[in-house]
Protein backbone atom coordinates (compact mmCIF):
# COMPACT_ATOMS: atom_id res chain seq x y z
CA MET A 1 70.19 248.06 -75.80
CA ILE A 2 67.43 246.12 -77.58
CA ILE A 3 65.02 246.89 -74.76
CA ARG A 4 65.76 250.60 -75.14
CA ILE A 5 65.03 250.44 -78.88
CA ALA A 6 61.75 248.60 -78.23
CA LEU A 7 60.78 251.14 -75.57
CA LEU A 8 61.58 254.02 -77.96
CA LEU A 9 59.47 252.41 -80.70
CA PHE A 10 56.61 251.99 -78.23
CA LEU A 11 56.89 255.59 -77.03
CA ALA A 12 57.12 256.86 -80.65
CA ALA A 13 53.95 254.92 -81.56
CA LEU A 14 51.92 256.78 -78.93
CA PRO A 15 52.25 260.25 -80.54
CA VAL A 16 51.49 258.69 -83.93
CA PHE A 17 48.20 257.32 -82.56
CA VAL A 18 47.44 260.70 -80.97
CA ALA A 19 48.09 262.33 -84.36
CA VAL A 20 45.74 259.83 -86.02
CA GLU A 21 43.04 260.74 -83.51
CA VAL A 22 43.52 264.46 -84.23
CA LEU A 23 43.45 263.90 -88.01
CA VAL A 24 40.27 261.83 -87.76
CA ARG A 25 38.59 264.69 -85.85
CA LEU A 26 39.81 267.13 -88.51
CA ALA A 27 38.35 264.83 -91.18
CA VAL A 28 41.54 264.35 -93.19
CA PRO A 29 40.73 261.36 -95.46
CA VAL A 30 43.91 259.35 -96.34
CA LEU A 31 46.55 260.35 -93.82
CA PRO A 32 44.97 258.74 -90.70
CA ASN A 33 44.96 255.29 -92.37
CA ALA A 34 48.63 255.55 -93.27
CA LEU A 35 49.56 256.81 -89.81
CA THR A 36 47.54 254.01 -88.16
CA ALA A 37 49.45 251.45 -90.22
CA LEU A 38 52.74 253.16 -89.25
CA GLY A 39 51.82 253.21 -85.53
CA SER A 40 50.71 249.56 -85.62
CA ALA A 41 53.96 248.59 -87.37
CA MET A 42 55.96 250.47 -84.71
CA LEU A 43 54.07 248.70 -81.85
CA LEU A 44 54.42 245.35 -83.57
CA SER A 45 58.15 245.99 -84.07
CA ALA A 46 58.55 246.96 -80.41
CA PHE A 47 56.81 243.80 -79.17
CA THR A 48 58.66 241.64 -81.69
CA LEU A 49 61.97 243.09 -80.49
CA LEU A 50 61.03 242.43 -76.83
CA ILE A 51 59.94 238.85 -77.53
CA SER A 52 62.98 238.09 -79.70
CA ALA A 53 65.29 239.63 -77.06
CA GLY A 54 63.61 237.46 -74.42
CA LEU A 55 63.91 234.35 -76.53
CA TRP A 56 67.54 235.17 -77.36
CA GLY A 57 68.32 235.69 -73.65
CA LEU A 58 66.55 232.45 -72.77
CA ALA A 59 68.49 230.59 -75.47
CA LYS A 60 71.77 232.05 -74.16
CA ILE A 61 70.89 230.99 -70.61
CA ILE A 62 70.00 227.46 -71.77
CA VAL A 63 73.18 227.11 -73.81
CA ASN A 64 75.36 228.48 -71.00
CA SER A 65 73.65 226.20 -68.48
CA ALA A 66 74.13 223.18 -70.74
CA LEU A 67 77.80 224.05 -71.30
CA ALA A 68 78.30 224.55 -67.57
CA TYR A 69 76.47 221.28 -66.79
CA PHE A 70 78.64 219.27 -69.17
CA SER A 71 81.88 221.03 -68.27
CA ALA A 72 84.71 218.97 -66.83
CA LYS A 73 84.55 220.79 -63.50
CA GLN A 74 80.83 220.09 -63.06
CA ARG A 75 81.22 216.47 -64.13
CA ALA A 76 83.99 216.03 -61.57
CA GLN A 77 81.85 217.71 -58.90
CA ARG A 78 78.85 215.47 -59.66
CA ARG A 79 81.11 212.40 -59.62
CA LEU A 80 82.51 213.46 -56.25
CA TRP A 81 78.99 213.92 -54.85
CA PHE A 82 78.02 210.51 -56.22
CA VAL A 83 81.03 208.84 -54.62
CA GLN A 84 80.38 210.61 -51.31
CA ALA A 85 76.72 209.60 -51.34
CA ARG A 86 77.64 206.00 -52.15
CA ARG A 87 80.22 205.96 -49.36
CA GLU A 88 77.66 207.30 -46.88
CA LYS A 89 75.20 204.66 -48.05
CA VAL A 90 77.78 201.92 -47.54
CA LYS A 91 78.60 203.29 -44.07
CA ARG A 92 74.92 203.28 -43.10
CA LEU A 93 74.50 199.79 -44.54
CA PHE A 94 77.55 198.58 -42.61
CA TYR A 95 76.22 200.11 -39.39
CA PHE A 96 72.79 198.50 -39.77
CA LYS A 97 74.30 195.15 -40.76
CA THR A 98 76.50 195.34 -37.65
CA VAL A 99 73.48 196.11 -35.49
CA GLN A 100 71.58 193.24 -37.09
CA ILE A 101 74.44 190.78 -36.61
CA ASN A 102 74.88 191.84 -32.98
CA TYR A 103 71.15 191.45 -32.38
CA ILE A 104 71.10 187.96 -33.94
CA ASN A 105 74.22 186.95 -31.99
CA GLU A 106 72.68 188.18 -28.75
CA LEU A 107 69.48 186.23 -29.42
CA THR A 108 71.49 183.11 -30.23
CA ARG A 109 73.59 183.56 -27.10
CA LYS A 110 70.47 183.91 -24.94
CA ARG A 111 68.88 180.83 -26.50
CA LEU A 112 72.03 178.80 -25.94
CA LEU A 113 72.26 180.06 -22.36
CA GLN A 114 68.64 179.10 -21.70
CA ARG A 115 69.15 175.69 -23.26
CA ASN A 116 72.32 175.16 -21.20
CA THR A 117 70.55 176.31 -18.03
CA ARG A 118 67.65 173.90 -18.65
CA LYS A 119 70.15 171.08 -19.29
CA HIS A 120 71.96 171.77 -16.01
CA ILE A 121 68.68 172.03 -14.13
CA ARG A 122 67.58 168.65 -15.52
CA SER A 123 70.90 167.04 -14.57
CA LEU A 124 70.74 168.62 -11.08
CA ALA A 125 67.17 167.38 -10.64
CA LYS A 126 68.25 163.89 -11.73
CA ALA A 127 71.14 163.94 -9.23
CA ILE A 128 68.75 165.06 -6.47
CA ASP A 129 66.30 162.31 -7.43
CA LYS A 130 69.13 159.78 -7.34
CA ASP A 131 70.22 161.03 -3.89
CA LEU A 132 66.63 160.86 -2.68
CA ARG A 133 66.28 157.27 -3.85
CA ALA A 134 69.52 156.48 -2.04
CA ILE A 135 68.18 157.74 1.31
CA LYS A 136 64.54 156.69 0.81
CA THR A 137 64.77 154.02 3.44
CA GLN A 138 66.20 156.43 6.02
CA LEU A 139 63.37 159.01 5.69
CA PRO A 140 59.73 158.93 6.67
CA GLU A 141 57.38 158.55 3.69
CA THR A 142 55.87 162.05 4.05
CA ARG A 143 59.28 163.70 4.22
CA TYR A 144 60.43 161.70 1.19
CA ARG A 145 57.32 162.67 -0.80
CA GLN A 146 57.72 166.32 0.23
CA LEU A 147 61.36 166.38 -0.94
CA GLN A 148 60.40 164.65 -4.18
CA GLN A 149 57.58 167.17 -4.83
CA ASP A 150 59.95 170.04 -4.05
CA ASN A 151 62.43 168.63 -6.57
CA VAL A 152 59.75 168.42 -9.30
CA ARG A 153 58.33 171.87 -8.48
CA TYR A 154 61.74 173.59 -8.46
CA ARG A 155 62.73 171.83 -11.70
CA ASN A 156 59.52 172.98 -13.41
CA GLN A 157 60.02 176.52 -12.09
CA GLN A 158 63.63 176.48 -13.35
CA ASN A 159 64.69 177.66 -9.89
CA VAL A 160 68.38 176.83 -9.66
CA GLU A 161 68.91 178.33 -6.21
CA ALA A 162 66.08 176.30 -4.68
CA LEU A 163 67.40 173.12 -6.33
CA LEU A 164 70.87 173.76 -4.92
CA GLN A 165 69.38 174.40 -1.47
CA LEU A 166 67.39 171.16 -1.77
CA GLN A 167 70.53 169.27 -2.77
CA GLN A 168 72.37 170.68 0.27
CA THR A 169 69.48 169.63 2.49
CA ILE A 170 69.59 166.11 1.08
CA SER A 171 73.40 166.02 1.44
CA SER A 172 73.07 166.98 5.09
CA LEU A 173 70.53 164.18 5.52
CA ILE A 174 72.89 161.70 3.86
CA ASN A 175 75.80 162.77 6.09
CA ALA A 176 73.73 162.65 9.24
C-alpha cells in the first residue's frame, strides 16, 4: 500500500515538472518556482516513503527473526543439535581411542613376542652348546667347530627352525 502511494507521488511529480517546463517556455514568472517546489516535495515524499517502508520492513524482519531465534521451539532445536553434535563427537573420540588402544596393544604384544622369541632362542642355543660340550670328545675337531659355528650363526639370525634341526642332529649324534 505504501509502495503504491510512493509510486503515485512519483508519477504525479512528472506532470508537474512537465508543466514547469511549459510555463518556463511561456515566460510565466512566479508559477514555475512554486510548481518546482511542489514537484520536488512530491519526489522527496515518494522517496522518503519508499525508504521508510524499507526500513520498517527491515525492522519487522529483524524483530521477527529475533523473536523466532529466541523462541522456545528454536532453543529446544538448537539444544537438540548441540547434544547430537556432542554425541557424534564422543562417538568419534571413542572410536579413535579404541583404534589407538588396539594399536598400542598390538605393538606391545609384538614386542613381548619378539622378546620371548629371543629368550627362547638364547636358551635353545645354550642347550645346544651344552650338548655340544658333552659330545666334544666323540667328534672330530672340524665337525665340532662347524656345529659350534652353526649354533652361533643360527642364534644370531634368530632362525628357530635351523636351531631345532641342529639340536636334532646333535641328539642323533649323542644317541649314536
